[in-house]
Protein backbone atom coordinates (compact mmCIF):
# COMPACT_ATOMS: atom_id res chain seq x y z
CA MET A 1 135.88 93.83 100.35
CA ASN A 2 137.43 90.49 100.89
CA VAL A 3 141.10 91.49 101.27
CA THR A 4 142.30 88.05 101.19
CA SER A 5 144.09 87.70 97.57
CA HIS A 6 145.44 84.47 96.29
CA ILE A 7 149.03 85.97 95.92
CA SER A 8 150.31 82.14 94.64
CA ALA A 9 151.25 82.51 90.62
CA GLU A 10 152.24 78.98 90.55
CA GLY A 11 153.08 78.01 86.96
CA PHE A 12 151.86 80.72 85.96
CA ASP A 13 154.45 82.33 83.31
CA VAL A 14 153.08 85.23 81.77
CA ARG A 15 154.95 84.84 78.71
CA ASP A 16 153.23 81.83 77.93
CA TYR A 17 150.29 84.60 77.17
CA LEU A 18 151.85 86.37 74.90
CA ARG A 19 153.12 86.99 71.16
CA LEU A 20 156.48 87.74 72.41
CA ASP A 21 157.52 88.31 68.42
CA LEU A 22 155.95 91.94 68.84
CA PHE A 23 158.47 92.51 72.15
CA PRO A 24 159.98 94.47 73.10
CA HIS A 25 156.53 96.21 74.10
CA PHE A 26 155.78 100.19 73.25
CA LEU A 27 155.06 100.93 76.77
CA CYS A 28 157.31 103.62 78.70
CA PRO A 29 159.28 102.41 81.41
CA GLY A 30 157.42 102.43 84.38
CA CYS A 31 153.30 102.17 82.78
CA GLY A 32 150.83 100.85 84.94
CA HIS A 33 149.21 99.04 81.75
CA GLY A 34 151.76 96.59 81.73
CA MET A 35 150.68 95.92 85.25
CA ALA A 36 147.31 95.89 84.51
CA LEU A 37 147.73 93.48 81.69
CA ARG A 38 149.83 90.89 83.87
CA ALA A 39 146.74 91.13 86.33
CA LEU A 40 144.60 90.02 83.20
CA MET A 41 146.97 87.41 82.38
CA TRP A 42 147.13 85.73 85.52
CA ALA A 43 143.23 85.69 86.21
CA LEU A 44 142.70 84.06 82.61
CA HIS A 45 145.43 81.74 83.77
CA GLU A 46 143.87 81.28 87.58
CA ARG A 47 140.64 80.49 85.47
CA GLY A 48 142.03 78.01 83.19
CA THR A 49 140.67 80.17 80.28
CA SER A 50 141.23 78.63 76.84
CA MET A 51 142.97 81.93 75.05
CA ASP A 52 141.37 79.57 71.84
CA ARG A 53 137.69 80.89 73.43
CA LEU A 54 139.60 84.55 74.33
CA ALA A 55 138.24 87.27 72.36
CA VAL A 56 140.12 90.56 73.35
CA VAL A 57 138.87 94.00 71.49
CA CYS A 58 140.82 97.03 72.10
CA GLY A 59 140.54 101.25 71.08
CA ILE A 60 142.67 103.45 70.14
CA GLY A 61 145.48 104.79 72.82
CA CYS A 62 148.15 103.36 74.88
CA SER A 63 145.76 101.06 76.94
CA GLY A 64 144.31 99.90 73.05
CA ARG A 65 147.89 98.52 71.93
CA LEU A 66 147.82 95.81 75.00
CA GLY A 67 145.76 93.57 72.86
CA ALA A 68 148.25 93.35 70.23
CA TYR A 69 150.69 91.33 73.04
CA ILE A 70 147.80 89.08 74.01
CA ASP A 71 148.18 85.79 71.67
CA ALA A 72 144.49 85.28 71.50
CA ASN A 73 141.58 86.65 69.34
CA THR A 74 142.23 90.15 69.10
CA PHE A 75 140.53 93.31 67.27
CA HIS A 76 142.43 96.66 67.80
CA VAL A 77 138.88 99.22 66.65
CA THR A 78 138.04 102.49 66.26
CA HIS A 79 138.57 104.92 68.73
CA GLY A 80 135.44 105.27 71.44
CA ARG A 81 133.59 101.52 69.89
CA PRO A 82 135.40 99.06 71.53
CA LEU A 83 132.14 98.41 73.33
CA ALA A 84 130.15 98.68 70.52
CA PHE A 85 132.76 95.86 68.24
CA ALA A 86 132.08 93.71 71.40
CA THR A 87 128.67 93.71 71.56
CA GLY A 88 128.42 92.55 68.22
CA LEU A 89 130.75 89.86 68.63
CA ALA A 90 129.42 88.76 71.63
CA LEU A 91 125.58 88.40 70.29
CA ALA A 92 127.70 86.55 67.34
CA ARG A 93 129.39 84.46 69.02
CA PRO A 94 127.89 83.74 72.44
CA ASP A 95 130.70 80.66 73.02
CA LEU A 96 133.48 83.31 73.20
CA GLU A 97 134.99 85.03 76.86
CA VAL A 98 134.56 88.87 75.47
CA VAL A 99 137.33 90.79 76.71
CA VAL A 100 137.20 94.49 76.41
CA ILE A 101 140.49 96.64 77.31
CA THR A 102 139.82 100.77 76.94
CA GLY A 103 141.00 104.05 78.39
CA ASP A 104 139.68 106.85 80.52
CA GLY A 105 139.90 108.94 76.93
CA ASP A 106 138.84 106.02 74.59
CA CYS A 107 135.68 105.06 77.36
CA LEU A 108 134.72 107.91 78.68
CA ALA A 109 134.82 110.10 76.13
CA ILE A 110 133.57 109.98 72.66
CA GLY A 111 133.27 106.25 73.96
CA GLY A 112 130.69 107.13 76.60
CA ASN A 113 127.87 107.16 75.06
CA HIS A 114 128.46 103.07 74.26
CA LEU A 115 129.71 102.40 77.95
CA ILE A 116 125.99 103.61 79.06
CA HIS A 117 124.51 101.03 76.70
CA ALA A 118 126.66 98.18 77.47
CA CYS A 119 125.82 98.61 80.98
CA ARG A 120 121.85 99.11 80.18
CA ARG A 121 121.84 95.73 78.15
CA ASN A 122 123.66 93.77 80.79
CA LEU A 123 125.08 91.40 77.78
CA ASN A 124 128.09 88.92 79.33
CA MET A 125 131.24 91.00 78.55
CA THR A 126 134.09 92.26 80.70
CA CYS A 127 135.47 95.31 80.54
CA LEU A 128 138.65 97.05 81.62
CA MET A 129 138.65 100.68 81.76
CA LEU A 130 142.79 101.32 82.23
CA ASN A 131 142.27 105.07 84.06
CA ASN A 132 145.57 107.08 83.62
CA GLU A 133 144.00 110.64 83.60
CA VAL A 134 145.43 111.75 80.34
CA TYR A 135 145.34 111.30 76.69
CA GLY A 136 148.78 109.67 76.65
CA MET A 137 149.27 108.51 73.20
CA THR A 138 147.65 111.54 71.37
CA GLY A 139 149.96 114.21 73.54
CA GLY A 140 148.74 114.34 76.69
CA GLN A 141 145.15 116.11 76.56
CA VAL A 142 143.52 116.60 79.32
CA SER A 143 140.63 113.37 79.99
CA PRO A 144 137.67 112.91 82.04
CA THR A 145 139.23 111.54 84.66
CA THR A 146 142.55 114.04 84.90
CA ALA A 147 142.12 115.44 88.54
CA GLU A 148 141.48 119.22 89.28
CA PHE A 149 144.39 121.42 89.03
CA ARG A 150 146.42 118.97 87.08
CA PHE A 151 148.46 119.92 84.17
CA THR A 152 147.99 118.69 80.49
CA THR A 153 148.74 120.32 77.28
CA THR A 154 145.20 121.18 76.98
CA THR A 155 145.23 122.47 80.40
CA PRO A 156 148.45 124.83 80.66
CA GLN A 157 146.96 126.66 83.58
CA GLY A 158 145.83 123.54 85.46
CA ASN A 159 142.47 121.30 84.71
CA HIS A 160 139.55 123.41 85.94
CA GLU A 161 136.80 120.58 85.45
CA PRO A 162 135.75 118.05 87.94
CA GLY A 163 136.97 114.43 87.06
CA PHE A 164 134.71 111.84 86.37
CA ASP A 165 133.65 108.73 88.59
CA ALA A 166 133.26 106.22 85.91
CA CYS A 167 132.04 103.52 88.44
CA LYS A 168 129.00 105.58 89.64
CA LEU A 169 127.86 106.27 86.07
CA ALA A 170 128.39 102.24 85.69
CA GLU A 171 126.40 101.40 88.33
CA ALA A 172 123.57 103.74 87.56
CA ALA A 173 123.41 102.44 84.23
CA GLY A 174 122.73 99.45 85.35
CA ALA A 175 126.17 97.33 84.97
CA GLY A 176 125.55 93.99 86.40
CA PHE A 177 128.98 93.96 88.33
CA VAL A 178 131.48 97.12 88.58
CA GLY A 179 134.80 97.23 91.01
CA ARG A 180 137.85 99.22 90.83
CA GLU A 181 141.37 98.44 91.75
CA ALA A 182 145.17 100.39 91.45
CA THR A 183 147.84 98.75 89.59
CA LEU A 184 149.60 98.62 93.06
CA GLN A 185 148.12 96.12 94.27
CA VAL A 186 148.51 93.36 91.32
CA PRO A 187 147.25 89.99 92.91
CA THR A 188 144.10 92.00 94.53
CA LEU A 189 143.48 93.19 91.10
CA LYS A 190 144.14 89.62 89.31
CA ASP A 191 141.08 88.40 91.90
CA LEU A 192 139.01 91.50 91.71
CA ILE A 193 139.24 90.78 87.37
CA VAL A 194 138.47 87.02 87.84
CA GLU A 195 135.05 87.90 89.97
CA ALA A 196 134.38 90.37 87.06
CA LEU A 197 134.94 87.22 84.38
CA ASP A 198 132.66 84.85 86.60
CA HIS A 199 130.03 87.30 86.96
CA ASP A 200 127.13 86.29 83.99
CA GLY A 201 126.62 89.88 82.84
CA PHE A 202 128.44 92.92 82.15
CA SER A 203 131.48 94.00 83.88
CA PHE A 204 133.06 96.88 84.70
CA VAL A 205 136.25 97.21 86.39
CA GLU A 206 137.99 100.50 86.71
CA VAL A 207 141.90 100.15 86.49
CA ILE A 208 143.68 103.11 88.49
CA SER A 209 146.79 103.06 86.81
CA ASP A 210 149.87 105.36 86.07
CA CYS A 211 151.01 107.81 82.92
CA THR A 212 154.49 108.54 84.42
CA GLU A 213 156.34 109.85 81.07
CA ILE A 214 153.35 112.44 79.71
CA TYR A 215 151.48 112.68 82.64
CA GLY A 216 153.83 112.54 85.51
CA ARG A 217 156.28 114.73 84.56
CA LYS A 218 153.80 117.39 83.79
CA ASN A 219 152.60 117.22 87.14
CA ALA A 220 156.41 116.76 89.29
CA LEU A 221 154.72 113.34 90.06
CA GLY A 222 158.00 111.84 90.58
CA ASN A 223 159.22 108.34 88.95
CA SER A 224 157.39 105.07 88.62
CA PRO A 225 158.09 104.01 92.24
CA GLU A 226 156.74 107.75 93.91
CA MET A 227 153.75 107.51 91.74
CA ILE A 228 153.18 104.16 92.67
CA LEU A 229 153.39 104.86 96.10
CA SER A 230 151.15 107.88 95.60
CA GLN A 231 148.15 105.59 94.74
CA LYS A 232 148.70 103.86 98.05
CA ALA A 233 148.79 106.91 99.99
CA GLY A 234 145.46 107.42 98.19
CA MET A 235 143.60 104.66 99.30
CA ARG A 236 141.02 104.35 102.15
CA PRO A 237 142.75 102.15 105.23
CA ASP A 238 139.66 100.15 105.37
CA SER A 239 140.32 99.16 101.85
CA TYR A 240 143.11 96.61 102.79
CA GLY A 241 141.58 95.29 106.32
CA ASN A 242 143.93 97.99 108.34
CA LYS A 243 142.79 101.00 110.65
CA VAL A 244 145.98 102.95 110.74
CA ASP A 245 146.20 106.41 109.82
CA GLU A 246 149.36 106.76 108.25
CA PRO A 247 151.23 106.96 105.17
CA PHE A 248 147.41 106.87 104.52
CA ARG A 249 145.13 109.61 103.34
CA PRO A 250 141.42 109.12 104.41
CA ASN A 251 139.18 109.97 101.27
CA PRO A 252 136.68 108.35 99.43
CA PHE A 253 138.35 106.70 96.77
CA ARG A 254 137.13 102.43 96.79
CA THR A 255 138.04 99.61 95.53
CA GLY A 256 137.03 96.31 95.70
CA VAL A 257 133.78 94.86 94.50
CA LEU A 258 131.39 98.01 94.34
CA ALA A 259 128.04 96.73 92.82
CA ARG A 260 127.06 93.50 92.09
CA THR A 261 123.50 92.89 90.97
CA ASP A 262 121.52 89.21 89.66
CA ARG A 263 120.00 91.23 87.15
CA PRO A 264 118.84 89.46 83.92
CA GLU A 265 121.95 88.95 81.36
CA TYR A 266 120.72 90.26 78.00
CA ARG A 267 120.50 86.95 75.85
CA VAL A 268 118.46 85.38 78.86
CA HIS A 269 116.30 88.66 79.05
CA ASN A 270 115.78 88.35 75.54
CA ILE A 271 114.90 85.03 75.00
CA GLY A 272 112.03 85.45 77.72
CA HIS A 273 110.58 88.10 75.56
CA ARG A 274 110.62 86.86 72.40
CA GLU A 275 108.80 83.93 73.93
CA ASN A 276 106.51 85.75 75.46
CA LEU A 277 105.81 87.63 72.08
CA SER A 278 105.46 84.18 70.61
CA GLU A 279 102.80 83.04 72.94
CA PRO A 280 99.32 83.45 71.60
CA ARG A 281 97.32 86.19 73.16
CA SER A 282 93.55 86.83 73.63
CA ARG A 283 92.51 90.02 71.93
CA GLY A 284 88.99 89.46 72.12
CA LEU A 285 88.45 89.13 68.71
CA ASP A 286 86.88 86.46 66.19
CA ASP A 287 88.84 83.51 64.12
CA ASN A 288 88.47 86.11 61.03
CA GLY A 289 89.84 89.35 63.09
């Protein structure tokens, strides 16, 4: 991973990209989703993306509500279906920059099948999956990424199921670009989103976020700053260009660009396929055959 981040935000004011008439926002104090939203807006600013050409598709959940605050073409669709809607939109309007904002439950549970096939098709769009390990909006139920032994409203004795590694799934299914970053590192997250947006094909970025009220309180994880610092404690030292052991806890949690391929983007591959079909083929038949 390139650990050099472009931290300068000269000329960037996140309010220029938001629908301020909808504020104050609904997010709980300390929610990591707000940091993810800022990183996305910063990435769009740095790229010079026109908000008139930006289409943001969101599903159901806390992550799904973020689209309402973005001053662009936004779509709030049914639970688990943002990638399905975005696929149709990207095919119909290839001139648009299509970004999907989804959550761990929305993307990996009811929407898991759509994620697999979006990766397989490799259509040019970017998916940001905000992973806070819980169904925060609908009551705090266990999600596919909830860590083992954590308490939720549906696992009162602790979760006994292993968590899902969404990035490994996306890579195995054929996503052209796969990355992961935590909201602790907003500049680094911004850089990763820029790379994802620039990639020609399907880009999947897992954003490790925090749910302070529903998940944090139930598991005695502390307040927002303490949960943010716990993200740092869970990173590998070499993810941030140093070799110290403390206060880091070495584990296999990798961040940055995890996979990148030059597999042809869906439309390019599809056009080539249609051209091959239109070419006359010798079938060993006479003119009347």
